[in-house]
Amino acid sequence: MDLRIFTEPQQGATYDDLLAVARAAEDLGFDAFFRSDHYLHMGDGDGRPGPTDAWTTLAGLARDTTRIRLGTLVSSATFRLPGPLAVAVAQVDQMSGGRVELGLGAGWFEAEHTAYGIPFPPLKERFDRLEEQLAVITGLWSASPGSGYEHDGSHYPVCDSPALAKPVQDGGVPIIVGGAGKRRTPSLAARYAAEFNVPFSSPDDTARLFARVDEVCEEHGRDPLSLVHSAAQVVCVGRDDAAVRRRAGAIGRDAAELRANGVAGSTAEACDRVGRLAEAGASRLYLQVLDLADLDHLADIRAALV
């Protein structure tokens, strides 16, 4: 199982907090460091010291790390225009030496849009915009040098673009699409993504969603095996029950609830959950770490699951 660390900085984290976690994850041998792309905290707390921009953060980490892959799970299509986003992600890919991945979604958290003056269209329009963004971003990256790129779209028409800058990864930056949608989400994954992600679901539901995206891949003439299947789960492990309860309390969660809904508990319990997700079809796992100050947790996770 490919193991990745996944953080939620909108809950309250500085760049230095994120850098410490990314470097610890890199030193411990995790495959990737990912972050959410949100501008407003959720639940308890006030989010201080305030939000950090996802792609500004990843640009810094591109220079402050050396091996670990970097990306978003996921950026919102409502936050950025597709052309400038394609340029920014390509630049961060260059800065990292080809270690970047782009998770892109339709956006869902209306309050953060209101809080920062970002338009929040109805659901259908958000998905229409996401679909067009995926077309524009992949089109800009894949256009042959010197040939330019145009897109006749209703939301993002593109005319006479030089289609620069280019990522350094062959084939462009890998794109991640995910969610529990039954129709449009798997279709977008089959058409545009390198990876399909199922967030915070049971192993049974994860297997069902993987089966659905595989069906849609076949409908589009794509080999389902060419699409990475991944899952995201909250993680809370400890060397004993006291450590598990302490870590659960630090993130405002109940240890029993975490055991039921995430990769949590003892080494045996965590490995059992990971094994069930592997049986469901996941080959990659994003482990949501919510207490960024507890770097020892990363070492315990690594010891438990490897």
Protein backbone atom coordinates (compact mmCIF):
# COMPACT_ATOMS: atom_id res chain seq x y z
CA MET A 1 0.00 0.00 0.00
CA ASP A 2 1.29 3.43 -1.01
CA LEU A 3 1.01 5.61 2.15
CA ARG A 4 0.58 9.39 1.99
CA ILE A 5 0.20 12.01 4.71
CA PHE A 6 -2.78 14.35 4.29
CA THR A 7 -3.28 17.54 6.34
CA GLU A 8 -6.03 20.11 6.95
CA PRO A 9 -4.21 23.44 7.47
CA GLN A 10 -7.39 25.52 7.53
CA GLN A 11 -7.90 24.23 11.07
CA GLY A 12 -4.93 26.36 12.16
CA ALA A 13 -1.37 25.95 10.86
CA THR A 14 1.50 28.11 9.69
CA TYR A 15 3.80 27.33 6.80
CA ASP A 16 6.46 26.27 9.32
CA ASP A 17 3.98 23.79 10.86
CA LEU A 18 3.35 22.25 7.47
CA LEU A 19 7.04 22.20 6.59
CA ALA A 20 7.82 20.31 9.79
CA VAL A 21 5.21 17.66 8.97
CA ALA A 22 6.31 17.41 5.32
CA ARG A 23 9.97 16.98 6.26
CA ALA A 24 9.12 14.42 8.94
CA ALA A 25 6.98 12.50 6.43
CA GLU A 26 9.82 12.63 3.92
CA ASP A 27 12.41 11.46 6.44
CA LEU A 28 10.16 8.58 7.55
CA GLY A 29 9.70 7.33 4.00
CA PHE A 30 6.09 8.26 3.30
CA ASP A 31 5.38 8.63 -0.40
CA ALA A 32 3.67 12.03 -0.38
CA PHE A 33 2.55 15.06 1.61
CA PHE A 34 -0.84 16.45 0.64
CA ARG A 35 -2.92 19.27 1.99
CA SER A 36 -6.51 20.36 1.69
CA ASP A 37 -7.38 23.54 -0.21
CA HIS A 38 -9.71 25.48 2.09
CA TYR A 39 -9.86 29.07 3.34
CA LEU A 40 -12.05 28.61 6.42
CA HIS A 41 -11.83 26.36 9.47
CA MET A 42 -14.49 23.76 10.16
CA GLY A 43 -15.99 22.75 13.48
CA ASP A 44 -14.57 23.95 16.78
CA GLY A 45 -11.88 26.60 17.00
CA ASP A 46 -11.29 29.79 15.07
CA GLY A 47 -8.67 28.65 12.58
CA ARG A 48 -5.93 30.93 13.90
CA PRO A 49 -3.40 31.96 12.75
CA GLY A 50 -5.51 31.87 9.58
CA PRO A 51 -5.64 30.10 6.24
CA THR A 52 -2.64 29.38 4.07
CA ASP A 53 -3.02 29.22 0.31
CA ALA A 54 -2.53 25.67 -0.94
CA TRP A 55 -0.44 26.38 -4.01
CA THR A 56 1.66 29.04 -2.30
CA THR A 57 2.40 26.45 0.38
CA LEU A 58 3.25 23.76 -2.15
CA ALA A 59 5.58 26.13 -4.00
CA GLY A 60 7.51 26.62 -0.77
CA LEU A 61 7.56 22.90 -0.03
CA ALA A 62 8.77 22.23 -3.57
CA ARG A 63 12.01 24.00 -2.61
CA ASP A 64 12.14 22.93 1.04
CA THR A 65 11.82 19.16 0.41
CA THR A 66 13.73 16.88 -1.93
CA ARG A 67 11.93 13.56 -2.51
CA ILE A 68 8.37 13.48 -1.29
CA ARG A 69 5.51 14.05 -3.73
CA LEU A 70 3.24 17.05 -3.13
CA GLY A 71 -0.35 17.87 -3.95
CA THR A 72 -3.88 18.92 -3.04
CA LEU A 73 -6.80 16.80 -1.95
CA VAL A 74 -8.50 18.69 -3.39
CA SER A 75 -8.34 22.18 -4.89
CA SER A 76 -11.72 23.73 -5.62
CA ALA A 77 -12.59 24.73 -9.17
CA THR A 78 -14.42 27.74 -7.75
CA PHE A 79 -11.21 29.22 -6.33
CA ARG A 80 -9.16 29.73 -9.49
CA LEU A 81 -9.46 30.22 -13.23
CA PRO A 82 -8.19 27.17 -15.15
CA GLY A 83 -5.54 28.97 -17.19
CA PRO A 84 -3.74 30.60 -14.25
CA LEU A 85 -4.14 27.39 -12.23
CA ALA A 86 -2.50 25.40 -15.02
CA VAL A 87 0.39 27.89 -15.05
CA ALA A 88 0.78 27.84 -11.25
CA VAL A 89 0.72 24.05 -10.96
CA ALA A 90 3.15 23.67 -13.87
CA GLN A 91 5.50 26.14 -12.19
CA VAL A 92 5.36 24.29 -8.87
CA ASP A 93 6.03 21.07 -10.78
CA GLN A 94 9.13 22.68 -12.26
CA MET A 95 10.19 23.97 -8.84
CA SER A 96 9.87 20.49 -7.34
CA GLY A 97 11.62 18.63 -10.13
CA GLY A 98 8.41 16.87 -11.16
CA ARG A 99 6.88 15.86 -7.81
CA VAL A 100 3.46 17.52 -7.98
CA GLU A 101 -0.09 16.16 -8.31
CA LEU A 102 -3.34 18.09 -8.68
CA GLY A 103 -6.52 17.01 -6.94
CA LEU A 104 -9.40 19.06 -8.33
CA GLY A 105 -13.04 19.13 -7.28
CA ALA A 106 -16.23 21.13 -7.74
CA GLY A 107 -16.17 22.84 -4.33
CA TRP A 108 -18.72 22.33 -1.58
CA PHE A 109 -18.07 24.56 1.47
CA GLU A 110 -20.30 27.57 0.90
CA ALA A 111 -19.27 29.40 4.07
CA GLU A 112 -15.65 29.80 2.95
CA HIS A 113 -16.82 31.29 -0.32
CA THR A 114 -18.98 33.79 1.53
CA ALA A 115 -16.18 34.59 3.97
CA TYR A 116 -13.70 35.49 1.24
CA GLY A 117 -15.92 36.88 -1.52
CA ILE A 118 -15.74 33.86 -3.83
CA PRO A 119 -18.76 33.18 -6.05
CA PHE A 120 -20.55 29.92 -5.21
CA PRO A 121 -22.74 28.76 -8.12
CA PRO A 122 -25.40 26.04 -7.83
CA LEU A 123 -24.20 22.43 -7.81
CA LYS A 124 -24.84 21.70 -11.49
CA GLU A 125 -22.94 24.79 -12.58
CA ARG A 126 -20.06 23.94 -10.27
CA PHE A 127 -19.74 20.53 -11.93
CA ASP A 128 -20.06 22.12 -15.37
CA ARG A 129 -17.22 24.46 -14.48
CA LEU A 130 -15.14 21.61 -13.05
CA GLU A 131 -15.56 19.59 -16.25
CA GLU A 132 -14.51 22.56 -18.37
CA GLN A 133 -11.58 23.33 -16.07
CA LEU A 134 -10.30 19.77 -16.46
CA ALA A 135 -10.57 20.09 -20.23
CA VAL A 136 -8.71 23.40 -20.28
CA ILE A 137 -5.96 22.40 -17.85
CA THR A 138 -5.20 19.09 -19.55
CA GLY A 139 -5.47 20.75 -22.95
CA LEU A 140 -2.97 23.46 -22.04
CA TRP A 141 -0.50 20.94 -20.65
CA SER A 142 -0.79 18.48 -23.55
CA ALA A 143 -0.70 20.98 -26.43
CA SER A 144 2.42 20.57 -28.54
CA PRO A 145 5.02 23.32 -28.07
CA GLY A 146 4.46 26.06 -30.59
CA SER A 147 1.03 24.81 -31.63
CA GLY A 148 -1.02 26.89 -29.20
CA TYR A 149 -4.35 25.94 -27.67
CA GLU A 150 -7.96 27.01 -28.02
CA HIS A 151 -11.10 25.96 -26.20
CA ASP A 152 -14.64 26.87 -27.22
CA GLY A 153 -16.25 26.73 -23.79
CA SER A 154 -19.28 28.36 -22.22
CA HIS A 155 -17.50 29.24 -18.96
CA TYR A 156 -13.79 29.39 -19.89
CA PRO A 157 -13.26 30.13 -23.59
CA VAL A 158 -9.59 30.11 -24.52
CA CYS A 159 -8.29 31.79 -27.70
CA ASP A 160 -4.79 31.79 -29.17
CA SER A 161 -3.07 30.60 -25.99
CA PRO A 162 0.65 29.75 -26.18
CA ALA A 163 -0.15 26.89 -23.73
CA LEU A 164 2.71 27.74 -21.40
CA ALA A 165 4.12 26.96 -18.87
CA LYS A 166 4.61 23.21 -19.18
CA PRO A 167 5.00 20.70 -16.35
CA VAL A 168 8.23 18.74 -16.33
CA GLN A 169 6.51 15.39 -15.75
CA ASP A 170 5.90 13.34 -18.87
CA GLY A 171 2.20 13.50 -19.69
CA GLY A 172 1.65 16.45 -17.39
CA VAL A 173 0.87 16.62 -13.70
CA PRO A 174 -1.22 13.63 -12.53
CA ILE A 175 -4.80 14.67 -11.82
CA ILE A 176 -6.88 13.24 -8.98
CA VAL A 177 -10.68 13.22 -9.08
CA GLY A 178 -12.73 11.78 -6.25
CA GLY A 179 -15.98 11.64 -4.37
CA ALA A 180 -19.13 9.59 -3.99
CA GLY A 181 -21.07 10.85 -7.00
CA LYS A 182 -22.64 8.10 -9.10
CA ARG A 183 -22.62 9.73 -12.53
CA ARG A 184 -20.52 12.82 -13.25
CA THR A 185 -17.66 12.16 -10.81
CA PRO A 186 -16.70 8.72 -12.18
CA SER A 187 -17.12 10.02 -15.73
CA LEU A 188 -14.71 12.90 -15.07
CA ALA A 189 -12.24 10.49 -13.47
CA ALA A 190 -12.40 8.13 -16.43
CA ARG A 191 -11.85 10.96 -18.91
CA TYR A 192 -9.27 13.13 -17.18
CA ALA A 193 -7.75 11.59 -14.05
CA ALA A 194 -4.74 9.46 -13.26
CA GLU A 195 -6.30 8.60 -9.90
CA PHE A 196 -9.77 8.16 -8.40
CA ASN A 197 -10.08 8.84 -4.67
CA VAL A 198 -12.79 7.74 -2.24
CA PRO A 199 -12.75 9.95 0.88
CA PHE A 200 -13.73 8.83 4.38
CA SER A 201 -15.87 5.83 3.46
CA SER A 202 -16.23 2.31 4.82
CA PRO A 203 -14.38 -0.47 3.02
CA ASP A 204 -17.70 -1.76 1.63
CA ASP A 205 -18.69 1.67 0.27
CA THR A 206 -15.16 2.15 -1.07
CA ALA A 207 -15.39 -1.12 -2.99
CA ARG A 208 -18.78 -0.10 -4.41
CA LEU A 209 -17.46 3.27 -5.63
CA PHE A 210 -14.38 1.63 -7.16
CA ALA A 211 -16.62 -0.84 -9.01
CA ARG A 212 -18.69 2.03 -10.36
CA VAL A 213 -15.69 3.99 -11.68
CA ASP A 214 -14.36 0.79 -13.26
CA GLU A 215 -17.67 0.36 -15.10
CA VAL A 216 -17.52 3.94 -16.36
CA CYS A 217 -13.90 3.49 -17.48
CA GLU A 218 -14.99 0.54 -19.60
CA GLU A 219 -17.87 2.59 -21.04
CA HIS A 220 -15.31 5.22 -22.10
CA GLY A 221 -13.00 2.59 -23.57
CA ARG A 222 -10.41 2.99 -20.83
CA ASP A 223 -8.67 0.14 -19.03
CA PRO A 224 -9.73 0.44 -15.35
CA LEU A 225 -6.29 -0.79 -14.35
CA SER A 226 -4.81 2.43 -15.75
CA LEU A 227 -6.62 4.42 -13.03
CA VAL A 228 -5.07 4.43 -9.56
CA HIS A 229 -7.67 3.61 -6.89
CA SER A 230 -7.09 5.43 -3.60
CA ALA A 231 -8.85 6.12 -0.31
CA ALA A 232 -8.57 8.82 2.35
CA GLN A 233 -9.03 7.98 6.02
CA VAL A 234 -8.48 9.81 9.29
CA VAL A 235 -5.63 8.23 11.24
CA CYS A 236 -5.12 7.91 14.99
CA VAL A 237 -2.80 5.14 16.16
CA GLY A 238 -0.91 4.60 19.36
CA ARG A 239 1.37 2.14 21.08
CA ASP A 240 -1.30 1.57 23.74
CA ASP A 241 -4.91 2.53 24.48
CA ALA A 242 -3.84 5.55 26.52
CA ALA A 243 -1.94 6.98 23.56
CA VAL A 244 -4.90 6.39 21.25
CA ARG A 245 -7.28 8.13 23.66
CA ARG A 246 -4.86 11.02 24.13
CA ARG A 247 -4.46 11.55 20.41
CA ALA A 248 -8.19 11.27 19.79
CA GLY A 249 -8.86 13.85 22.49
CA ALA A 250 -6.28 16.22 20.99
CA ILE A 251 -8.33 16.40 17.79
CA GLY A 252 -11.70 16.51 19.54
CA ARG A 253 -12.74 13.00 18.53
CA ASP A 254 -13.81 9.87 20.38
CA ALA A 255 -11.43 6.93 20.16
CA ALA A 256 -14.25 4.42 19.61
CA GLU A 257 -15.70 6.52 16.79
CA LEU A 258 -12.30 6.79 15.13
CA ARG A 259 -11.82 3.04 15.36
CA ALA A 260 -15.13 2.57 13.56
CA ASN A 261 -14.55 5.17 10.87
CA GLY A 262 -10.82 5.41 10.26
CA VAL A 263 -7.37 3.89 10.54
CA ALA A 264 -7.23 3.98 14.32
CA GLY A 265 -6.33 2.07 17.45
CA SER A 266 -3.55 -0.42 17.94
CA THR A 267 -1.16 -1.66 15.28
CA ALA A 268 -3.37 -4.69 14.73
CA GLU A 269 -6.53 -2.58 14.41
CA ALA A 270 -4.91 -0.12 12.01
CA CYS A 271 -3.46 -2.89 9.86
CA ASP A 272 -6.84 -4.63 9.74
CA ARG A 273 -8.51 -1.47 8.41
CA VAL A 274 -5.78 -0.95 5.83
CA GLY A 275 -6.06 -4.58 4.79
CA ARG A 276 -9.81 -4.25 4.29
CA LEU A 277 -9.29 -1.14 2.16
CA ALA A 278 -6.73 -3.04 0.10
CA GLU A 279 -9.25 -5.84 -0.40
CA ALA A 280 -11.74 -3.18 -1.54
CA GLY A 281 -9.28 -2.23 -4.28
CA ALA A 282 -7.26 0.65 -2.84
CA SER A 283 -3.58 0.68 -3.74
CA ARG A 284 -2.93 4.11 -2.23
CA LEU A 285 -4.02 5.54 1.13
CA TYR A 286 -4.13 9.16 2.28
CA LEU A 287 -3.82 9.28 6.06
CA GLN A 288 -5.48 12.43 7.43
CA VAL A 289 -3.29 13.76 10.25
CA LEU A 290 -5.14 16.43 12.23
CA ASP A 291 -2.71 17.22 15.07
CA LEU A 292 0.23 18.74 13.21
CA ALA A 293 2.21 19.34 16.41
CA ASP A 294 2.42 15.60 17.19
CA LEU A 295 5.29 14.56 14.94
CA ASP A 296 5.81 11.40 16.99
CA HIS A 297 2.46 10.25 15.63
CA LEU A 298 3.96 10.04 12.16
CA ALA A 299 6.67 7.69 13.40
CA ASP A 300 4.08 5.53 15.16
CA ILE A 301 1.95 5.41 12.00
CA ARG A 302 4.93 4.34 9.96
CA ALA A 303 5.90 1.67 12.50
CA ALA A 304 2.34 0.35 12.64
CA LEU A 305 1.67 0.12 8.91
CA VAL A 306 5.02 -0.80 7.36
